[in-house]
Amino acid sequence: MPRAWTGVSKQQTKNTHTMITEIVSMSAEVASASGGVTGNIVGGLAGLGAALGVGMIGSKAAEAVGRNPGAFGNILTISIIGMALAEGLGIIAFFAVK
């Protein structure tokens, strides 16, 4: 019997969390080793994180609309809110570094 669609698997979630943890630890190592350039590197990583977040939200929203076109309005609303939050965190991190 085929397995029903359950969304993101536990392994995918674990891989995503592992990747994020590695990026954060690498940025901390780079920031401590680079001396006076830390603000630029951390600001760039904040922008990279925001861009990755927006890209992931957009791709998952397109996938969700492809699976259920009738839920387009709800998916669009939720994805716009998620993108705004991801961009907002990137902007806050950028200005916190400067």
PDB file of N, CA and C in Angstrom:
ATOM      1  N   MET A   1       0.845  -1.180   0.000  1.00  0.00           N
ATOM      2  CA  MET A   1       0.000   0.000   0.000  1.00  0.00           C
ATOM      3  C   MET A   1       0.891   1.245   0.000  1.00  0.00           C
ATOM      4  N   PRO A   2       0.672   2.197  -0.921  1.00  0.00           N
ATOM      5  CA  PRO A   2       1.522   3.391  -0.984  1.00  0.00           C
ATOM      6  C   PRO A   2       1.314   4.291   0.227  1.00  0.00           C
ATOM      7  N   ARG A   3       2.387   4.942   0.593  1.00  0.00           N
ATOM      8  CA  ARG A   3       2.346   5.864   1.726  1.00  0.00           C
ATOM      9  C   ARG A   3       1.689   7.168   1.308  1.00  0.00           C
ATOM     10  N   ALA A   4       0.830   7.698   2.163  1.00  0.00           N
ATOM     11  CA  ALA A   4       0.134   8.954   1.861  1.00  0.00           C
ATOM     12  C   ALA A   4       1.109  10.125   1.936  1.00  0.00           C
ATOM     13  N   TRP A   5       0.805  11.195   1.218  1.00  0.00           N
ATOM     14  CA  TRP A   5       1.623  12.410   1.241  1.00  0.00           C
ATOM     15  C   TRP A   5       1.508  13.048   2.608  1.00  0.00           C
ATOM     16  N   THR A   6       2.629  13.210   3.275  1.00  0.00           N
ATOM     17  CA  THR A   6       2.626  13.800   4.619  1.00  0.00           C
ATOM     18  C   THR A   6       3.415  15.087   4.679  1.00  0.00           C
ATOM     19  N   GLY A   7       3.868  15.590   3.563  1.00  0.00           N
ATOM     20  CA  GLY A   7       4.638  16.832   3.567  1.00  0.00           C
ATOM     21  C   GLY A   7       6.125  16.532   3.671  1.00  0.00           C
ATOM     22  N   VAL A   8       6.818  17.321   4.462  1.00  0.00           N
ATOM     23  CA  VAL A   8       8.260  17.196   4.609  1.00  0.00           C
ATOM     24  C   VAL A   8       8.565  16.049   5.562  1.00  0.00           C
ATOM     25  N   SER A   9       9.495  15.194   5.166  1.00  0.00           N
ATOM     26  CA  SER A   9       9.844  14.058   6.011  1.00  0.00           C
ATOM     27  C   SER A   9      10.723  14.505   7.168  1.00  0.00           C
ATOM     28  N   LYS A  10      10.827  13.646   8.160  1.00  0.00           N
ATOM     29  CA  LYS A  10      11.663  13.945   9.323  1.00  0.00           C
ATOM     30  C   LYS A  10      13.125  14.041   8.917  1.00  0.00           C
ATOM     31  N   GLN A  11      13.541  13.220   7.960  1.00  0.00           N
ATOM     32  CA  GLN A  11      14.929  13.257   7.505  1.00  0.00           C
ATOM     33  C   GLN A  11      15.241  14.578   6.796  1.00  0.00           C
ATOM     34  N   GLN A  12      14.304  15.089   5.980  1.00  0.00           N
ATOM     35  CA  GLN A  12      14.518  16.377   5.321  1.00  0.00           C
ATOM     36  C   GLN A  12      14.609  17.499   6.351  1.00  0.00           C
ATOM     37  N   THR A  13      13.757  17.452   7.361  1.00  0.00           N
ATOM     38  CA  THR A  13      13.803  18.466   8.416  1.00  0.00           C
ATOM     39  C   THR A  13      15.122  18.389   9.169  1.00  0.00           C
ATOM     40  N   LYS A  14      15.563  17.171   9.476  1.00  0.00           N
ATOM     41  CA  LYS A  14      16.828  16.987  10.178  1.00  0.00           C
ATOM     42  C   LYS A  14      17.991  17.499   9.335  1.00  0.00           C
ATOM     43  N   ASN A  15      17.975  17.213   8.029  1.00  0.00           N
ATOM     44  CA  ASN A  15      19.034  17.695   7.138  1.00  0.00           C
ATOM     45  C   ASN A  15      19.057  19.214   7.078  1.00  0.00           C
ATOM     46  N   THR A  16      17.881  19.837   7.038  1.00  0.00           N
ATOM     47  CA  THR A  16      17.804  21.301   7.003  1.00  0.00           C
ATOM     48  C   THR A  16      18.354  21.900   8.280  1.00  0.00           C
ATOM     49  N   HIS A  17      17.977  21.334   9.430  1.00  0.00           N
ATOM     50  CA  HIS A  17      18.483  21.846  10.702  1.00  0.00           C
ATOM     51  C   HIS A  17      19.988  21.663  10.808  1.00  0.00           C
ATOM     52  N   THR A  18      20.492  20.534  10.322  1.00  0.00           N
ATOM     53  CA  THR A  18      21.934  20.298  10.346  1.00  0.00           C
ATOM     54  C   THR A  18      22.662  21.312   9.475  1.00  0.00           C
ATOM     55  N   MET A  19      22.122  21.592   8.293  1.00  0.00           N
ATOM     56  CA  MET A  19      22.742  22.547   7.389  1.00  0.00           C
ATOM     57  C   MET A  19      22.757  23.951   8.016  1.00  0.00           C
ATOM     58  N   ILE A  20      21.659  24.354   8.629  1.00  0.00           N
ATOM     59  CA  ILE A  20      21.590  25.670   9.257  1.00  0.00           C
ATOM     60  C   ILE A  20      22.577  25.762  10.408  1.00  0.00           C
ATOM     61  N   THR A  21      22.667  24.708  11.220  1.00  0.00           N
ATOM     62  CA  THR A  21      23.610  24.694  12.335  1.00  0.00           C
ATOM     63  C   THR A  21      25.043  24.814  11.842  1.00  0.00           C
ATOM     64  N   GLU A  22      25.381  24.115  10.754  1.00  0.00           N
ATOM     65  CA  GLU A  22      26.728  24.200  10.199  1.00  0.00           C
ATOM     66  C   GLU A  22      27.031  25.590   9.662  1.00  0.00           C
ATOM     67  N   ILE A  23      26.071  26.220   9.004  1.00  0.00           N
ATOM     68  CA  ILE A  23      26.275  27.569   8.477  1.00  0.00           C
ATOM     69  C   ILE A  23      26.508  28.560   9.607  1.00  0.00           C
ATOM     70  N   VAL A  24      25.717  28.445  10.678  1.00  0.00           N
ATOM     71  CA  VAL A  24      25.875  29.356  11.810  1.00  0.00           C
ATOM     72  C   VAL A  24      27.233  29.157  12.478  1.00  0.00           C
ATOM     73  N   SER A  25      27.642  27.906  12.666  1.00  0.00           N
ATOM     74  CA  SER A  25      28.942  27.663  13.299  1.00  0.00           C
ATOM     75  C   SER A  25      30.092  28.133  12.408  1.00  0.00           C
ATOM     76  N   MET A  26      29.952  27.953  11.087  1.00  0.00           N
ATOM     77  CA  MET A  26      30.985  28.441  10.173  1.00  0.00           C
ATOM     78  C   MET A  26      31.063  29.959  10.200  1.00  0.00           C
ATOM     79  N   SER A  27      29.916  30.633  10.270  1.00  0.00           N
ATOM     80  CA  SER A  27      29.938  32.089  10.290  1.00  0.00           C
ATOM     81  C   SER A  27      30.580  32.594  11.570  1.00  0.00           C
ATOM     82  N   ALA A  28      30.346  31.894  12.683  1.00  0.00           N
ATOM     83  CA  ALA A  28      30.981  32.298  13.937  1.00  0.00           C
ATOM     84  C   ALA A  28      32.489  32.120  13.860  1.00  0.00           C
ATOM     85  N   GLU A  29      32.946  31.036  13.245  1.00  0.00           N
ATOM     86  CA  GLU A  29      34.381  30.813  13.085  1.00  0.00           C
ATOM     87  C   GLU A  29      35.010  31.867  12.172  1.00  0.00           C
ATOM     88  N   VAL A  30      34.352  32.170  11.076  1.00  0.00           N
ATOM     89  CA  VAL A  30      34.867  33.176  10.152  1.00  0.00           C
ATOM     90  C   VAL A  30      34.887  34.547  10.818  1.00  0.00           C
ATOM     91  N   ALA A  31      33.838  34.867  11.572  1.00  0.00           N
ATOM     92  CA  ALA A  31      33.759  36.161  12.232  1.00  0.00           C
ATOM     93  C   ALA A  31      34.864  36.319  13.264  1.00  0.00           C
ATOM     94  N   SER A  32      35.172  35.263  13.995  1.00  0.00           N
ATOM     95  CA  SER A  32      36.215  35.370  15.014  1.00  0.00           C
ATOM     96  C   SER A  32      37.610  35.402  14.397  1.00  0.00           C
ATOM     97  N   ALA A  33      37.789  34.821  13.213  1.00  0.00           N
ATOM     98  CA  ALA A  33      39.109  34.765  12.595  1.00  0.00           C
ATOM     99  C   ALA A  33      39.426  35.976  11.733  1.00  0.00           C
ATOM    100  N   SER A  34      38.417  36.743  11.337  1.00  0.00           N
ATOM    101  CA  SER A  34      38.662  37.779  10.345  1.00  0.00           C
ATOM    102  C   SER A  34      38.925  39.161  10.923  1.00  0.00           C
ATOM    103  N   GLY A  35      38.850  39.347  12.202  1.00  0.00           N
ATOM    104  CA  GLY A  35      39.199  40.631  12.810  1.00  0.00           C
ATOM    105  C   GLY A  35      38.231  41.736  12.469  1.00  0.00           C
ATOM    106  N   GLY A  36      38.661  42.740  11.685  1.00  0.00           N
ATOM    107  CA  GLY A  36      37.864  43.922  11.421  1.00  0.00           C
ATOM    108  C   GLY A  36      36.815  43.769  10.333  1.00  0.00           C
ATOM    109  N   VAL A  37      36.765  42.666   9.652  1.00  0.00           N
ATOM    110  CA  VAL A  37      35.840  42.492   8.547  1.00  0.00           C
ATOM    111  C   VAL A  37      34.565  41.782   8.996  1.00  0.00           C
ATOM    112  N   THR A  38      34.420  41.540  10.288  1.00  0.00           N
ATOM    113  CA  THR A  38      33.326  40.706  10.782  1.00  0.00           C
ATOM    114  C   THR A  38      31.953  41.255  10.417  1.00  0.00           C
ATOM    115  N   GLY A  39      31.772  42.558  10.480  1.00  0.00           N
ATOM    116  CA  GLY A  39      30.468  43.140  10.179  1.00  0.00           C
ATOM    117  C   GLY A  39      30.026  42.854   8.753  1.00  0.00           C
ATOM    118  N   ASN A  40      30.965  42.952   7.820  1.00  0.00           N
ATOM    119  CA  ASN A  40      30.629  42.707   6.418  1.00  0.00           C
ATOM    120  C   ASN A  40      30.277  41.243   6.168  1.00  0.00           C
ATOM    121  N   ILE A  41      31.029  40.348   6.768  1.00  0.00           N
ATOM    122  CA  ILE A  41      30.773  38.918   6.555  1.00  0.00           C
ATOM    123  C   ILE A  41      29.445  38.519   7.182  1.00  0.00           C
ATOM    124  N   VAL A  42      29.215  38.938   8.401  1.00  0.00           N
ATOM    125  CA  VAL A  42      27.973  38.575   9.084  1.00  0.00           C
ATOM    126  C   VAL A  42      26.777  39.232   8.395  1.00  0.00           C
ATOM    127  N   GLY A  43      26.935  40.458   7.920  1.00  0.00           N
ATOM    128  CA  GLY A  43      25.855  41.110   7.168  1.00  0.00           C
ATOM    129  C   GLY A  43      25.545  40.375   5.876  1.00  0.00           C
ATOM    130  N   GLY A  44      26.592  39.916   5.206  1.00  0.00           N
ATOM    131  CA  GLY A  44      26.394  39.129   3.986  1.00  0.00           C
ATOM    132  C   GLY A  44      25.702  37.811   4.268  1.00  0.00           C
ATOM    133  N   LEU A  45      26.077  37.164   5.363  1.00  0.00           N
ATOM    134  CA  LEU A  45      25.419  35.912   5.733  1.00  0.00           C
ATOM    135  C   LEU A  45      23.964  36.140   6.127  1.00  0.00           C
ATOM    136  N   ALA A  46      23.674  37.285   6.736  1.00  0.00           N
ATOM    137  CA  ALA A  46      22.276  37.605   7.067  1.00  0.00           C
ATOM    138  C   ALA A  46      21.460  37.767   5.789  1.00  0.00           C
ATOM    139  N   GLY A  47      22.017  38.451   4.802  1.00  0.00           N
ATOM    140  CA  GLY A  47      21.324  38.590   3.523  1.00  0.00           C
ATOM    141  C   GLY A  47      21.168  37.257   2.817  1.00  0.00           C
ATOM    142  N   LEU A  48      22.189  36.409   2.899  1.00  0.00           N
ATOM    143  CA  LEU A  48      22.116  35.084   2.298  1.00  0.00           C
ATOM    144  C   LEU A  48      21.025  34.247   2.959  1.00  0.00           C
ATOM    145  N   GLY A  49      20.935  34.316   4.284  1.00  0.00           N
ATOM    146  CA  GLY A  49      19.897  33.573   4.996  1.00  0.00           C
ATOM    147  C   GLY A  49      18.507  34.033   4.622  1.00  0.00           C
ATOM    148  N   ALA A  50      18.329  35.336   4.510  1.00  0.00           N
ATOM    149  CA  ALA A  50      17.020  35.867   4.117  1.00  0.00           C
ATOM    150  C   ALA A  50      16.667  35.440   2.696  1.00  0.00           C
ATOM    151  N   ALA A  51      17.648  35.479   1.796  1.00  0.00           N
ATOM    152  CA  ALA A  51      17.389  35.069   0.413  1.00  0.00           C
ATOM    153  C   ALA A  51      17.043  33.587   0.321  1.00  0.00           C
ATOM    154  N   LEU A  52      17.738  32.763   1.088  1.00  0.00           N
ATOM    155  CA  LEU A  52      17.422  31.333   1.112  1.00  0.00           C
ATOM    156  C   LEU A  52      16.021  31.094   1.656  1.00  0.00           C
ATOM    157  N   GLY A  53      15.667  31.820   2.710  1.00  0.00           N
ATOM    158  CA  GLY A  53      14.333  31.664   3.291  1.00  0.00           C
ATOM    159  C   GLY A  53      13.233  32.041   2.313  1.00  0.00           C
ATOM    160  N   VAL A  54      13.400  33.157   1.632  1.00  0.00           N
ATOM    161  CA  VAL A  54      12.391  33.600   0.660  1.00  0.00           C
ATOM    162  C   VAL A  54      12.307  32.614  -0.503  1.00  0.00           C
ATOM    163  N   GLY A  55      13.452  32.127  -0.963  1.00  0.00           N
ATOM    164  CA  GLY A  55      13.453  31.164  -2.057  1.00  0.00           C
ATOM    165  C   GLY A  55      12.768  29.860  -1.695  1.00  0.00           C
ATOM    166  N   MET A  56      13.018  29.376  -0.480  1.00  0.00           N
ATOM    167  CA  MET A  56      12.380  28.141  -0.033  1.00  0.00           C
ATOM    168  C   MET A  56      10.876  28.316   0.119  1.00  0.00           C
ATOM    169  N   ILE A  57      10.458  29.460   0.655  1.00  0.00           N
ATOM    170  CA  ILE A  57       9.027  29.727   0.804  1.00  0.00           C
ATOM    171  C   ILE A  57       8.361  29.792  -0.562  1.00  0.00           C
ATOM    172  N   GLY A  58       8.989  30.487  -1.503  1.00  0.00           N
ATOM    173  CA  GLY A  58       8.418  30.599  -2.838  1.00  0.00           C
ATOM    174  C   GLY A  58       8.301  29.263  -3.543  1.00  0.00           C
ATOM    175  N   SER A  59       9.333  28.434  -3.425  1.00  0.00           N
ATOM    176  CA  SER A  59       9.279  27.136  -4.100  1.00  0.00           C
ATOM    177  C   SER A  59       8.232  26.230  -3.482  1.00  0.00           C
ATOM    178  N   LYS A  60       8.119  26.242  -2.175  1.00  0.00           N
ATOM    179  CA  LYS A  60       7.118  25.401  -1.516  1.00  0.00           C
ATOM    180  C   LYS A  60       5.706  25.912  -1.788  1.00  0.00           C
ATOM    181  N   ALA A  61       5.544  27.226  -1.898  1.00  0.00           N
ATOM    182  CA  ALA A  61       4.219  27.772  -2.222  1.00  0.00           C
ATOM    183  C   ALA A  61       3.809  27.367  -3.628  1.00  0.00           C
ATOM    184  N   ALA A  62       4.746  27.425  -4.572  1.00  0.00           N
ATOM    185  CA  ALA A  62       4.432  27.005  -5.943  1.00  0.00           C
ATOM    186  C   ALA A  62       4.087  25.518  -5.993  1.00  0.00           C
ATOM    187  N   GLU A  63       4.811  24.731  -5.221  1.00  0.00           N
ATOM    188  CA  GLU A  63       4.520  23.298  -5.150  1.00  0.00           C
ATOM    189  C   GLU A  63       3.144  23.044  -4.548  1.00  0.00           C
ATOM    190  N   ALA A  64       2.811  23.794  -3.499  1.00  0.00           N
ATOM    191  CA  ALA A  64       1.512  23.610  -2.850  1.00  0.00           C
ATOM    192  C   ALA A  64       0.366  24.007  -3.773  1.00  0.00           C
ATOM    193  N   VAL A  65       0.533  25.086  -4.532  1.00  0.00           N
ATOM    194  CA  VAL A  65      -0.510  25.501  -5.470  1.00  0.00           C
ATOM    195  C   VAL A  65      -0.646  24.478  -6.592  1.00  0.00           C
ATOM    196  N   GLY A  66       0.462  23.873  -6.997  1.00  0.00           N
ATOM    197  CA  GLY A  66       0.398  22.833  -8.010  1.00  0.00           C
ATOM    198  C   GLY A  66      -0.368  21.611  -7.532  1.00  0.00           C
ATOM    199  N   ARG A  67      -0.265  21.326  -6.250  1.00  0.00           N
ATOM    200  CA  ARG A  67      -0.971  20.173  -5.698  1.00  0.00           C
ATOM    201  C   ARG A  67      -2.448  20.475  -5.435  1.00  0.00           C
ATOM    202  N   ASN A  68      -2.733  21.718  -5.035  1.00  0.00           N
ATOM    203  CA  ASN A  68      -4.106  22.089  -4.699  1.00  0.00           C
ATOM    204  C   ASN A  68      -4.388  23.497  -5.218  1.00  0.00           C
ATOM    205  N   PRO A  69      -4.748  23.654  -6.482  1.00  0.00           N
ATOM    206  CA  PRO A  69      -4.968  24.981  -7.059  1.00  0.00           C
ATOM    207  C   PRO A  69      -6.105  25.751  -6.386  1.00  0.00           C
ATOM    208  N   GLY A  70      -7.026  25.074  -5.767  1.00  0.00           N
ATOM    209  CA  GLY A  70      -8.144  25.754  -5.122  1.00  0.00           C
ATOM    210  C   GLY A  70      -7.746  26.539  -3.888  1.00  0.00           C
ATOM    211  N   ALA A  71      -6.602  26.212  -3.314  1.00  0.00           N
ATOM    212  CA  ALA A  71      -6.146  26.898  -2.110  1.00  0.00           C
ATOM    213  C   ALA A  71      -5.173  28.025  -2.427  1.00  0.00           C
ATOM    214  N   PHE A  72      -5.212  28.528  -3.652  1.00  0.00           N
ATOM    215  CA  PHE A  72      -4.253  29.543  -4.082  1.00  0.00           C
ATOM    216  C   PHE A  72      -4.247  30.776  -3.180  1.00  0.00           C
ATOM    217  N   GLY A  73      -5.428  31.296  -2.854  1.00  0.00           N
ATOM    218  CA  GLY A  73      -5.509  32.518  -2.050  1.00  0.00           C
ATOM    219  C   GLY A  73      -4.910  32.352  -0.666  1.00  0.00           C
ATOM    220  N   ASN A  74      -5.232  31.250  -0.011  1.00  0.00           N
ATOM    221  CA  ASN A  74      -4.692  31.001   1.328  1.00  0.00           C
ATOM    222  C   ASN A  74      -3.182  30.789   1.289  1.00  0.00           C
ATOM    223  N   ILE A  75      -2.722  30.042   0.304  1.00  0.00           N
ATOM    224  CA  ILE A  75      -1.283  29.786   0.183  1.00  0.00           C
ATOM    225  C   ILE A  75      -0.536  31.080  -0.108  1.00  0.00           C
ATOM    226  N   LEU A  76      -1.086  31.923  -0.974  1.00  0.00           N
ATOM    227  CA  LEU A  76      -0.448  33.196  -1.296  1.00  0.00           C
ATOM    228  C   LEU A  76      -0.335  34.073  -0.057  1.00  0.00           C
ATOM    229  N   THR A  77      -1.399  34.145   0.720  1.00  0.00           N
ATOM    230  CA  THR A  77      -1.382  34.971   1.935  1.00  0.00           C
ATOM    231  C   THR A  77      -0.325  34.496   2.921  1.00  0.00           C
ATOM    232  N   ILE A  78      -0.313  33.204   3.180  1.00  0.00           N
ATOM    233  CA  ILE A  78       0.645  32.652   4.136  1.00  0.00           C
ATOM    234  C   ILE A  78       2.073  32.812   3.629  1.00  0.00           C
ATOM    235  N   SER A  79       2.294  32.616   2.325  1.00  0.00           N
ATOM    236  CA  SER A  79       3.651  32.736   1.801  1.00  0.00           C
ATOM    237  C   SER A  79       4.140  34.180   1.819  1.00  0.00           C
ATOM    238  N   ILE A  80       3.269  35.130   1.563  1.00  0.00           N
ATOM    239  CA  ILE A  80       3.679  36.540   1.629  1.00  0.00           C
ATOM    240  C   ILE A  80       4.061  36.917   3.056  1.00  0.00           C
ATOM    241  N   ILE A  81       3.288  36.444   4.029  1.00  0.00           N
ATOM    242  CA  ILE A  81       3.622  36.710   5.438  1.00  0.00           C
ATOM    243  C   ILE A  81       4.966  36.074   5.787  1.00  0.00           C
ATOM    244  N   GLY A  82       5.187  34.833   5.351  1.00  0.00           N
ATOM    245  CA  GLY A  82       6.460  34.160   5.625  1.00  0.00           C
ATOM    246  C   GLY A  82       7.637  34.861   4.979  1.00  0.00           C
ATOM    247  N   MET A  83       7.450  35.323   3.742  1.00  0.00           N
ATOM    248  CA  MET A  83       8.529  36.041   3.062  1.00  0.00           C
ATOM    249  C   MET A  83       8.835  37.360   3.761  1.00  0.00           C
ATOM    250  N   ALA A  84       7.798  38.052   4.211  1.00  0.00           N
ATOM    251  CA  ALA A  84       8.015  39.316   4.919  1.00  0.00           C
ATOM    252  C   ALA A  84       8.783  39.084   6.218  1.00  0.00           C
ATOM    253  N   LEU A  85       8.459  38.024   6.927  1.00  0.00           N
ATOM    254  CA  LEU A  85       9.180  37.723   8.163  1.00  0.00           C
ATOM    255  C   LEU A  85      10.632  37.363   7.880  1.00  0.00           C
ATOM    256  N   ALA A  86      10.885  36.579   6.838  1.00  0.00           N
ATOM    257  CA  ALA A  86      12.262  36.213   6.496  1.00  0.00           C
ATOM    258  C   ALA A  86      13.072  37.447   6.098  1.00  0.00           C
ATOM    259  N   GLU A  87      12.484  38.302   5.282  1.00  0.00           N
ATOM    260  CA  GLU A  87      13.181  39.527   4.883  1.00  0.00           C
ATOM    261  C   GLU A  87      13.389  40.455   6.080  1.00  0.00           C
ATOM    262  N   GLY A  88      12.390  40.535   6.939  1.00  0.00           N
ATOM    263  CA  GLY A  88      12.499  41.383   8.130  1.00  0.00           C
ATOM    264  C   GLY A  88      13.632  40.951   9.036  1.00  0.00           C
ATOM    265  N   LEU A  89      13.768  39.644   9.231  1.00  0.00           N
ATOM    266  CA  LEU A  89      14.876  39.147  10.053  1.00  0.00           C
ATOM    267  C   LEU A  89      16.222  39.438   9.408  1.00  0.00           C
ATOM    268  N   GLY A  90      16.284  39.327   8.092  1.00  0.00           N
ATOM    269  CA  GLY A  90      17.524  39.654   7.395  1.00  0.00           C
ATOM    270  C   GLY A  90      17.890  41.121   7.550  1.00  0.00           C
ATOM    271  N   ILE A  91      16.918  41.995   7.452  1.00  0.00           N
ATOM    272  CA  ILE A  91      17.160  43.436   7.605  1.00  0.00           C
ATOM    273  C   ILE A  91      17.568  43.762   9.034  1.00  0.00           C
ATOM    274  N   ILE A  92      16.884  43.173  10.001  1.00  0.00           N
ATOM    275  CA  ILE A  92      17.230  43.411  11.409  1.00  0.00           C
ATOM    276  C   ILE A  92      18.657  42.933  11.679  1.00  0.00           C
ATOM    277  N   ALA A  93      19.008  41.754  11.182  1.00  0.00           N
ATOM    278  CA  ALA A  93      20.371  41.246  11.386  1.00  0.00           C
ATOM    279  C   ALA A  93      21.387  42.140  10.720  1.00  0.00           C
ATOM    280  N   PHE A  94      21.061  42.641   9.533  1.00  0.00           N
ATOM    281  CA  PHE A  94      22.000  43.517   8.823  1.00  0.00           C
ATOM    282  C   PHE A  94      22.265  44.790   9.616  1.00  0.00           C
ATOM    283  N   PHE A  95      21.208  45.415  10.148  1.00  0.00           N
ATOM    284  CA  PHE A  95      21.404  46.646  10.903  1.00  0.00           C
ATOM    285  C   PHE A  95      21.960  46.412  12.295  1.00  0.00           C
ATOM    286  N   ALA A  96      21.746  45.235  12.863  1.00  0.00           N
ATOM    287  CA  ALA A  96      22.327  44.911  14.161  1.00  0.00           C
ATOM    288  C   ALA A  96      23.845  44.762  14.046  1.00  0.00           C
ATOM    289  N   VAL A  97      24.316  44.297  12.896  1.00  0.00           N
ATOM    290  CA  VAL A  97      25.742  44.128  12.682  1.00  0.00           C
ATOM    291  C   VAL A  97      26.420  45.477  12.504  1.00  0.00           C
ATOM    292  N   LYS A  98      25.768  46.378  11.808  1.00  0.00           N
ATOM    293  CA  LYS A  98      26.361  47.697  11.530  1.00  0.00           C
ATOM    294  C   LYS A  98      26.248  48.524  12.753  1.00  0.00           C
TER     295      LYS A  98
END
